[in-house]
Amino acid sequence: MKKRFLRDLEVSAIGYGCMGLSHGYGAVPKRSESIRLIQSAFDLGCTFFDTAESYGAGENERLVGEAVKPCWQQNST
């Protein structure tokens, strides 16, 4: 996957918008399915996940953090 720099941070050129995983487009997926989806995107090279505090009153950021934590830990060793 191509990469881009956002100042000093290198991220994938293609990002994943995570808002729909916690609100905004009707019924949200099961948490386990959302985590699997985020981790699959990471496995495919996506490292840019778009989230915001306002998505689900912070729940979206907690979800993304929970999903990517094992990915980052695995890649940092």
C-alpha atoms as a PDB file:
ATOM      1  CA  MET A   1       0.000   0.000   0.000  1.00  0.00           C
ATOM      2  CA  LYS A   2       1.242   3.478  -0.804  1.00  0.00           C
ATOM      3  CA  LYS A   3       2.121   5.706   2.141  1.00  0.00           C
ATOM      4  CA  ARG A   4       1.805   9.434   2.806  1.00  0.00           C
ATOM      5  CA  PHE A   5       3.311  11.728   5.391  1.00  0.00           C
ATOM      6  CA  LEU A   6       1.147  13.904   7.613  1.00  0.00           C
ATOM      7  CA  ARG A   7       3.978  16.086   8.877  1.00  0.00           C
ATOM      8  CA  ASP A   8       6.165  13.518  10.682  1.00  0.00           C
ATOM      9  CA  LEU A   9       3.592  10.721  10.728  1.00  0.00           C
ATOM     10  CA  GLU A  10       3.604   8.132   7.942  1.00  0.00           C
ATOM     11  CA  VAL A  11       0.182   6.650   7.192  1.00  0.00           C
ATOM     12  CA  SER A  12      -1.418   4.611   4.441  1.00  0.00           C
ATOM     13  CA  ALA A  13      -2.619   6.611   1.433  1.00  0.00           C
ATOM     14  CA  ILE A  14      -6.016   4.952   1.806  1.00  0.00           C
ATOM     15  CA  GLY A  15      -7.774   5.434   5.125  1.00  0.00           C
ATOM     16  CA  TYR A  16     -10.765   3.804   6.727  1.00  0.00           C
ATOM     17  CA  GLY A  17     -13.631   5.971   7.981  1.00  0.00           C
ATOM     18  CA  CYS A  18     -14.834   4.427  11.228  1.00  0.00           C
ATOM     19  CA  MET A  19     -17.857   6.594  12.078  1.00  0.00           C
ATOM     20  CA  GLY A  20     -20.401   4.003  10.938  1.00  0.00           C
ATOM     21  CA  LEU A  21     -19.010   1.493  13.411  1.00  0.00           C
ATOM     22  CA  SER A  22     -20.477   3.392  16.361  1.00  0.00           C
ATOM     23  CA  HIS A  23     -23.261   5.614  14.942  1.00  0.00           C
ATOM     24  CA  GLY A  24     -24.458   7.628  12.008  1.00  0.00           C
ATOM     25  CA  TYR A  25     -25.766   5.139   9.461  1.00  0.00           C
ATOM     26  CA  GLY A  26     -28.476   3.234  11.292  1.00  0.00           C
ATOM     27  CA  ALA A  27     -27.789   0.007  13.180  1.00  0.00           C
ATOM     28  CA  VAL A  28     -24.139  -0.475  14.127  1.00  0.00           C
ATOM     29  CA  PRO A  29     -22.317  -3.781  13.683  1.00  0.00           C
ATOM     30  CA  LYS A  30     -21.482  -5.989  16.647  1.00  0.00           C
ATOM     31  CA  ARG A  31     -18.357  -4.799  18.460  1.00  0.00           C
ATOM     32  CA  SER A  32     -16.520  -8.042  17.673  1.00  0.00           C
ATOM     33  CA  GLU A  33     -17.295  -7.633  13.962  1.00  0.00           C
ATOM     34  CA  SER A  34     -16.113  -4.010  13.990  1.00  0.00           C
ATOM     35  CA  ILE A  35     -12.847  -5.029  15.640  1.00  0.00           C
ATOM     36  CA  ARG A  36     -12.348  -7.813  13.100  1.00  0.00           C
ATOM     37  CA  LEU A  37     -12.986  -5.353  10.270  1.00  0.00           C
ATOM     38  CA  ILE A  38     -10.475  -2.800  11.586  1.00  0.00           C
ATOM     39  CA  GLN A  39      -7.853  -5.501  12.140  1.00  0.00           C
ATOM     40  CA  SER A  40      -8.416  -6.872   8.629  1.00  0.00           C
ATOM     41  CA  ALA A  41      -7.918  -3.389   7.183  1.00  0.00           C
ATOM     42  CA  PHE A  42      -4.677  -3.113   9.181  1.00  0.00           C
ATOM     43  CA  ASP A  43      -3.519  -6.500   7.866  1.00  0.00           C
ATOM     44  CA  LEU A  44      -4.099  -5.179   4.329  1.00  0.00           C
ATOM     45  CA  GLY A  45      -1.847  -2.180   5.034  1.00  0.00           C
ATOM     46  CA  CYS A  46      -4.292   0.469   6.243  1.00  0.00           C
ATOM     47  CA  THR A  47      -2.797   2.533   9.057  1.00  0.00           C
ATOM     48  CA  PHE A  48      -5.012   5.625   8.768  1.00  0.00           C
ATOM     49  CA  PHE A  49      -8.265   5.251  10.702  1.00  0.00           C
ATOM     50  CA  ASP A  50     -10.569   8.266  10.709  1.00  0.00           C
ATOM     51  CA  THR A  51     -12.385   8.725  14.012  1.00  0.00           C
ATOM     52  CA  ALA A  52     -13.494  11.569  16.279  1.00  0.00           C
ATOM     53  CA  GLU A  53     -14.611  12.118  19.858  1.00  0.00           C
ATOM     54  CA  SER A  54     -18.070  13.067  18.638  1.00  0.00           C
ATOM     55  CA  TYR A  55     -18.671   9.677  17.011  1.00  0.00           C
ATOM     56  CA  GLY A  56     -20.726   7.842  19.599  1.00  0.00           C
ATOM     57  CA  ALA A  57     -19.652  10.182  22.433  1.00  0.00           C
ATOM     58  CA  GLY A  58     -16.077   8.844  22.324  1.00  0.00           C
ATOM     59  CA  GLU A  59     -17.068   5.216  21.855  1.00  0.00           C
ATOM     60  CA  ASN A  60     -15.676   5.173  18.312  1.00  0.00           C
ATOM     61  CA  GLU A  61     -12.191   6.139  19.502  1.00  0.00           C
ATOM     62  CA  ARG A  62     -12.287   3.509  22.245  1.00  0.00           C
ATOM     63  CA  LEU A  63     -13.344   0.916  19.656  1.00  0.00           C
ATOM     64  CA  VAL A  64     -10.552   1.839  17.231  1.00  0.00           C
ATOM     65  CA  GLY A  65      -8.001   1.892  20.060  1.00  0.00           C
ATOM     66  CA  GLU A  66      -9.050  -1.557  21.245  1.00  0.00           C
ATOM     67  CA  ALA A  67      -8.872  -2.912  17.696  1.00  0.00           C
ATOM     68  CA  VAL A  68      -5.462  -1.523  16.731  1.00  0.00           C
ATOM     69  CA  LYS A  69      -3.662  -2.017  20.051  1.00  0.00           C
ATOM     70  CA  PRO A  70      -2.711  -5.661  19.366  1.00  0.00           C
ATOM     71  CA  CYS A  71      -1.734  -4.747  15.789  1.00  0.00           C
ATOM     72  CA  TRP A  72       0.676  -2.043  16.960  1.00  0.00           C
ATOM     73  CA  GLN A  73       2.062  -4.248  19.747  1.00  0.00           C
ATOM     74  CA  GLN A  74       2.659  -7.097  17.288  1.00  0.00           C
ATOM     75  CA  ASN A  75       4.442  -4.815  14.805  1.00  0.00           C
ATOM     76  CA  SER A  76       6.589  -3.060  17.414  1.00  0.00           C
ATOM     77  CA  THR A  77       8.370  -6.240  18.551  1.00  0.00           C
END
